[in-house]
Each structure stands twice: as C-alpha cells, then as structure tokens.
Amino acid sequence: MQDRVGSFQHGGRSTGARPVLDSLWRGAALKCPACGRGAMFRRYLKVVDACPHCGEELHHHRADDAPPYFTIVIVGHVVVGLVLAVEMAYRPPLWLHAALWLPLTVILALLILPVVKGVLVALQWALLMHGFDPDAKEVIGDGLPEVSPWVSRRLDFRP
C-alpha cells in the first residue's frame, strides 16, 4: 500500500520518507502521523495499536512522562503570565483569583495534554525512535545485559 508521500507499508510499518513537520501537524490534530487520516487515540490518551486507515503500527510509542511534563510547562507559563497581568492591572481579591485560575488551569491542562502526546508520538514516529524503525530488530526482554551470578549485586556504597 502506498500513501501520498511515497512511502510503502511493509508488515504494518511504513518505509520511506517521514517528514517531521507534516507528522507533527498530524499528531497535533490527533491523527495518524503516517497518513493523517486515521485517529491516533481510541480513548482520551490511549493510543491505538495500529492506524484504522493505513494500518501503521503505533503501539511502539514510549511517551511515558513527557506529555504531562510539557503540558505543565505550557499551562504554567500561560496561567502564571495571566495571573501576574491580572494582579498588576486589577488587584482582585484572593477568592476571585482562586475561582478564576484553578478551573482555567485544569481545563487548559486537559485540553492540551492529548495534543502534546499526539505531537510526541508523531515525533517518535518521524525520527524512527522506540521501535518505529522498520529495519530495527525488536529487543526481547528488558534490554539489560546479563549479570554473572558471581558478581555482587549490592547497590549501596559501603566499604
């Protein structure tokens, strides 16, 4: 199967060019980074195993704690800037600050979090990270080297 950028599907993985900016826009739109048509999420933050439109496997992503971290940074900068601007201009009472900024912070975080996760999964796909490389071999197990049973496994640094 061939999509519009000239890449081909092989075993659920696209081969060929992976334009980073196009995939980032597709991820921000919560669409498949490969085709831009299929949905990336099946629930709020649950990434589909494979794109329903093109079949691209998306289960390889390792977003982990990055989406909440970047969401906190973005929302924090927006809300703190607004809080400071409102405080300096109007000096409202504290109860009004709480009534205004707490709901705004929660709503912004909930709206931005899926977009940030979509962008990060698309970035991993475009840069062939974490199993998205069709030529890479899957690592079985935890990927750590075996430790000889004769080597001490103490983790403290006592003499």
C-alpha atoms as a PDB file:
ATOM      1  CA  MET A   1       0.000   0.000   0.000  1.00  0.00           C
ATOM      2  CA  GLN A   2       1.359   3.445  -0.909  1.00  0.00           C
ATOM      3  CA  ASP A   3       0.370   6.737   0.704  1.00  0.00           C
ATOM      4  CA  ARG A   4       0.693  10.279  -0.627  1.00  0.00           C
ATOM      5  CA  VAL A   5       4.332  10.905   0.402  1.00  0.00           C
ATOM      6  CA  GLY A   6       5.634   7.899  -1.488  1.00  0.00           C
ATOM      7  CA  SER A   7       6.253   5.545   1.401  1.00  0.00           C
ATOM      8  CA  PHE A   8       5.146   1.942   1.392  1.00  0.00           C
ATOM      9  CA  GLN A   9       3.645  -0.271   4.066  1.00  0.00           C
ATOM     10  CA  HIS A  10       5.538  -3.409   4.985  1.00  0.00           C
ATOM     11  CA  GLY A  11       4.156  -5.516   7.793  1.00  0.00           C
ATOM     12  CA  GLY A  12       2.247  -2.625   9.376  1.00  0.00           C
ATOM     13  CA  ARG A  13       5.214  -0.263   9.212  1.00  0.00           C
ATOM     14  CA  SER A  14       5.758   2.428   6.633  1.00  0.00           C
ATOM     15  CA  THR A  15       9.067   2.602   4.862  1.00  0.00           C
ATOM     16  CA  GLY A  16      10.385   5.647   3.076  1.00  0.00           C
ATOM     17  CA  ALA A  17      10.377   9.343   3.808  1.00  0.00           C
ATOM     18  CA  ARG A  18       8.969  10.536   7.124  1.00  0.00           C
ATOM     19  CA  PRO A  19       8.629  14.324   7.042  1.00  0.00           C
ATOM     20  CA  VAL A  20       8.946  15.643  10.579  1.00  0.00           C
ATOM     21  CA  LEU A  21       6.849  18.811  10.281  1.00  0.00           C
ATOM     22  CA  ASP A  22       3.981  17.074   8.496  1.00  0.00           C
ATOM     23  CA  SER A  23       3.921  14.321  11.097  1.00  0.00           C
ATOM     24  CA  LEU A  24       3.999  16.873  13.946  1.00  0.00           C
ATOM     25  CA  TRP A  25       0.963  18.683  12.481  1.00  0.00           C
ATOM     26  CA  ARG A  26      -0.826  15.370  12.061  1.00  0.00           C
ATOM     27  CA  GLY A  27      -0.023  14.416  15.647  1.00  0.00           C
ATOM     28  CA  ALA A  28      -1.275  17.795  16.912  1.00  0.00           C
ATOM     29  CA  ALA A  29      -4.527  17.128  15.045  1.00  0.00           C
ATOM     30  CA  LEU A  30      -4.699  13.749  16.866  1.00  0.00           C
ATOM     31  CA  LYS A  31      -4.370  11.891  13.560  1.00  0.00           C
ATOM     32  CA  CYS A  32      -2.034   9.136  12.403  1.00  0.00           C
ATOM     33  CA  PRO A  33       1.436  10.556  11.691  1.00  0.00           C
ATOM     34  CA  ALA A  34       1.784   8.352   8.601  1.00  0.00           C
ATOM     35  CA  CYS A  35      -1.425   9.089   6.693  1.00  0.00           C
ATOM     36  CA  GLY A  36      -3.060  11.965   8.580  1.00  0.00           C
ATOM     37  CA  ARG A  37      -6.498  10.377   8.258  1.00  0.00           C
ATOM     38  CA  GLY A  38      -6.891   7.705  10.923  1.00  0.00           C
ATOM     39  CA  ALA A  39      -7.424   8.548  14.586  1.00  0.00           C
ATOM     40  CA  MET A  40      -4.357   8.277  16.824  1.00  0.00           C
ATOM     41  CA  PHE A  41      -6.310   7.734  20.053  1.00  0.00           C
ATOM     42  CA  ARG A  42      -9.073   5.273  20.811  1.00  0.00           C
ATOM     43  CA  ARG A  43      -9.787   6.947  24.151  1.00  0.00           C
ATOM     44  CA  TYR A  44      -8.686  10.171  25.804  1.00  0.00           C
ATOM     45  CA  LEU A  45      -4.956   9.293  25.986  1.00  0.00           C
ATOM     46  CA  LYS A  46      -4.899   5.664  24.817  1.00  0.00           C
ATOM     47  CA  VAL A  47      -3.003   5.340  21.538  1.00  0.00           C
ATOM     48  CA  VAL A  48      -4.420   2.829  19.053  1.00  0.00           C
ATOM     49  CA  ASP A  49      -2.300  -0.226  18.313  1.00  0.00           C
ATOM     50  CA  ALA A  50      -2.493   0.439  14.561  1.00  0.00           C
ATOM     51  CA  CYS A  51      -3.994   3.192  12.430  1.00  0.00           C
ATOM     52  CA  PRO A  52      -7.526   2.224  11.348  1.00  0.00           C
ATOM     53  CA  HIS A  53      -6.963   3.854   7.938  1.00  0.00           C
ATOM     54  CA  CYS A  54      -3.452   2.894   6.797  1.00  0.00           C
ATOM     55  CA  GLY A  55      -2.533   0.131   9.254  1.00  0.00           C
ATOM     56  CA  GLU A  56       0.610   1.863  10.572  1.00  0.00           C
ATOM     57  CA  GLU A  57       1.576   0.318  13.914  1.00  0.00           C
ATOM     58  CA  LEU A  58       1.619   2.949  16.650  1.00  0.00           C
ATOM     59  CA  HIS A  59       1.953   0.735  19.713  1.00  0.00           C
ATOM     60  CA  HIS A  60       5.736   1.262  19.773  1.00  0.00           C
ATOM     61  CA  HIS A  61       5.489   4.738  21.277  1.00  0.00           C
ATOM     62  CA  ARG A  62       7.169   5.477  24.603  1.00  0.00           C
ATOM     63  CA  ALA A  63       5.735   8.842  25.577  1.00  0.00           C
ATOM     64  CA  ASP A  64       5.816   7.989  29.319  1.00  0.00           C
ATOM     65  CA  ASP A  65       6.029  11.155  31.464  1.00  0.00           C
ATOM     66  CA  ALA A  66       6.933  13.623  28.707  1.00  0.00           C
ATOM     67  CA  PRO A  67       3.365  14.735  27.784  1.00  0.00           C
ATOM     68  CA  PRO A  68       2.400  15.718  31.355  1.00  0.00           C
ATOM     69  CA  TYR A  69       5.744  17.451  31.832  1.00  0.00           C
ATOM     70  CA  PHE A  70       5.425  19.566  28.683  1.00  0.00           C
ATOM     71  CA  THR A  71       1.762  20.237  29.439  1.00  0.00           C
ATOM     72  CA  ILE A  72       2.669  21.544  32.900  1.00  0.00           C
ATOM     73  CA  VAL A  73       5.348  23.783  31.369  1.00  0.00           C
ATOM     74  CA  ILE A  74       2.966  25.203  28.748  1.00  0.00           C
ATOM     75  CA  VAL A  75      -0.019  25.674  31.052  1.00  0.00           C
ATOM     76  CA  GLY A  76       2.193  27.054  33.809  1.00  0.00           C
ATOM     77  CA  HIS A  77       3.651  29.723  31.570  1.00  0.00           C
ATOM     78  CA  VAL A  78       0.258  30.750  30.221  1.00  0.00           C
ATOM     79  CA  VAL A  79      -1.554  30.815  33.561  1.00  0.00           C
ATOM     80  CA  VAL A  80       1.229  32.434  35.589  1.00  0.00           C
ATOM     81  CA  GLY A  81       1.579  35.164  32.962  1.00  0.00           C
ATOM     82  CA  LEU A  82      -2.158  35.806  33.066  1.00  0.00           C
ATOM     83  CA  VAL A  83      -2.252  35.749  36.870  1.00  0.00           C
ATOM     84  CA  LEU A  84       0.525  38.299  37.095  1.00  0.00           C
ATOM     85  CA  ALA A  85      -1.040  40.542  34.448  1.00  0.00           C
ATOM     86  CA  VAL A  86      -4.447  40.488  36.133  1.00  0.00           C
ATOM     87  CA  GLU A  87      -2.928  41.042  39.584  1.00  0.00           C
ATOM     88  CA  MET A  88      -0.909  44.027  38.454  1.00  0.00           C
ATOM     89  CA  ALA A  89      -3.781  45.597  36.495  1.00  0.00           C
ATOM     90  CA  TYR A  90      -6.810  44.978  38.735  1.00  0.00           C
ATOM     91  CA  ARG A  91      -5.642  43.606  42.126  1.00  0.00           C
ATOM     92  CA  PRO A  92      -8.678  41.324  42.622  1.00  0.00           C
ATOM     93  CA  PRO A  93      -9.241  39.539  45.959  1.00  0.00           C
ATOM     94  CA  LEU A  94      -7.698  36.089  46.510  1.00  0.00           C
ATOM     95  CA  TRP A  95     -11.036  34.266  46.304  1.00  0.00           C
ATOM     96  CA  LEU A  96     -11.525  35.663  42.792  1.00  0.00           C
ATOM     97  CA  HIS A  97      -8.034  34.505  41.796  1.00  0.00           C
ATOM     98  CA  ALA A  98      -8.845  31.003  43.043  1.00  0.00           C
ATOM     99  CA  ALA A  99     -12.252  30.959  41.353  1.00  0.00           C
ATOM    100  CA  LEU A 100     -10.733  32.109  38.073  1.00  0.00           C
ATOM    101  CA  TRP A 101      -7.355  30.374  37.764  1.00  0.00           C
ATOM    102  CA  LEU A 102      -7.984  26.923  39.241  1.00  0.00           C
ATOM    103  CA  PRO A 103     -10.678  25.927  36.726  1.00  0.00           C
ATOM    104  CA  LEU A 104      -8.764  27.571  33.883  1.00  0.00           C
ATOM    105  CA  THR A 105      -5.625  25.615  34.791  1.00  0.00           C
ATOM    106  CA  VAL A 106      -7.460  22.290  34.915  1.00  0.00           C
ATOM    107  CA  ILE A 107      -9.349  22.908  31.667  1.00  0.00           C
ATOM    108  CA  LEU A 108      -6.219  24.029  29.792  1.00  0.00           C
ATOM    109  CA  ALA A 109      -4.247  21.023  31.035  1.00  0.00           C
ATOM    110  CA  LEU A 110      -6.983  18.592  29.976  1.00  0.00           C
ATOM    111  CA  LEU A 111      -7.258  20.208  26.535  1.00  0.00           C
ATOM    112  CA  ILE A 112      -3.521  20.462  25.853  1.00  0.00           C
ATOM    113  CA  LEU A 113      -2.440  17.026  27.152  1.00  0.00           C
ATOM    114  CA  PRO A 114      -3.744  14.928  24.199  1.00  0.00           C
ATOM    115  CA  VAL A 115      -2.288  17.393  21.695  1.00  0.00           C
ATOM    116  CA  VAL A 116       1.134  17.239  23.342  1.00  0.00           C
ATOM    117  CA  LYS A 117       1.014  13.428  23.481  1.00  0.00           C
ATOM    118  CA  GLY A 118      -0.012  13.288  19.817  1.00  0.00           C
ATOM    119  CA  VAL A 119       2.918  15.522  18.862  1.00  0.00           C
ATOM    120  CA  LEU A 120       5.378  13.423  20.877  1.00  0.00           C
ATOM    121  CA  VAL A 121       4.156  10.123  19.404  1.00  0.00           C
ATOM    122  CA  ALA A 122       4.352  11.656  15.905  1.00  0.00           C
ATOM    123  CA  LEU A 123       7.866  12.914  16.616  1.00  0.00           C
ATOM    124  CA  GLN A 124       8.941   9.450  17.737  1.00  0.00           C
ATOM    125  CA  TRP A 125       7.413   8.007  14.570  1.00  0.00           C
ATOM    126  CA  ALA A 126       9.110  10.565  12.293  1.00  0.00           C
ATOM    127  CA  LEU A 127      12.533  10.118  13.921  1.00  0.00           C
ATOM    128  CA  LEU A 128      12.264   6.295  13.914  1.00  0.00           C
ATOM    129  CA  MET A 129      12.502   6.078  17.690  1.00  0.00           C
ATOM    130  CA  HIS A 130      11.410   3.245  20.018  1.00  0.00           C
ATOM    131  CA  GLY A 131      10.563   0.539  17.525  1.00  0.00           C
ATOM    132  CA  PHE A 132       9.177   2.736  14.759  1.00  0.00           C
ATOM    133  CA  ASP A 133      12.225   1.919  12.596  1.00  0.00           C
ATOM    134  CA  PRO A 134      11.143  -0.818  10.146  1.00  0.00           C
ATOM    135  CA  ASP A 135      14.742  -2.067   9.874  1.00  0.00           C
ATOM    136  CA  ALA A 136      15.398  -2.337  13.622  1.00  0.00           C
ATOM    137  CA  LYS A 137      15.143  -5.635  15.420  1.00  0.00           C
ATOM    138  CA  GLU A 138      12.854  -5.900  18.410  1.00  0.00           C
ATOM    139  CA  VAL A 139      14.611  -6.187  21.771  1.00  0.00           C
ATOM    140  CA  ILE A 140      13.285  -9.108  23.742  1.00  0.00           C
ATOM    141  CA  GLY A 141      13.305  -8.674  27.494  1.00  0.00           C
ATOM    142  CA  ASP A 142      14.409  -5.536  29.279  1.00  0.00           C
ATOM    143  CA  GLY A 143      17.459  -4.968  27.069  1.00  0.00           C
ATOM    144  CA  LEU A 144      19.873  -5.071  30.009  1.00  0.00           C
ATOM    145  CA  PRO A 145      22.995  -7.234  29.849  1.00  0.00           C
ATOM    146  CA  GLU A 146      23.053 -10.391  31.881  1.00  0.00           C
ATOM    147  CA  VAL A 147      24.921 -10.124  35.169  1.00  0.00           C
ATOM    148  CA  SER A 148      27.064 -13.006  36.256  1.00  0.00           C
ATOM    149  CA  PRO A 149      25.740 -14.770  39.356  1.00  0.00           C
ATOM    150  CA  TRP A 150      29.240 -14.432  40.834  1.00  0.00           C
ATOM    151  CA  VAL A 151      29.127 -10.635  40.761  1.00  0.00           C
ATOM    152  CA  SER A 152      27.859  -8.932  43.872  1.00  0.00           C
ATOM    153  CA  ARG A 153      24.516  -7.200  43.344  1.00  0.00           C
ATOM    154  CA  ARG A 154      24.912  -4.750  46.224  1.00  0.00           C
ATOM    155  CA  LEU A 155      23.723  -1.283  45.337  1.00  0.00           C
ATOM    156  CA  ASP A 156      24.954   0.598  48.386  1.00  0.00           C
ATOM    157  CA  PHE A 157      28.421   2.099  48.513  1.00  0.00           C
ATOM    158  CA  ARG A 158      29.571   0.921  51.908  1.00  0.00           C
ATOM    159  CA  PRO A 159      33.173  -0.303  52.069  1.00  0.00           C
END
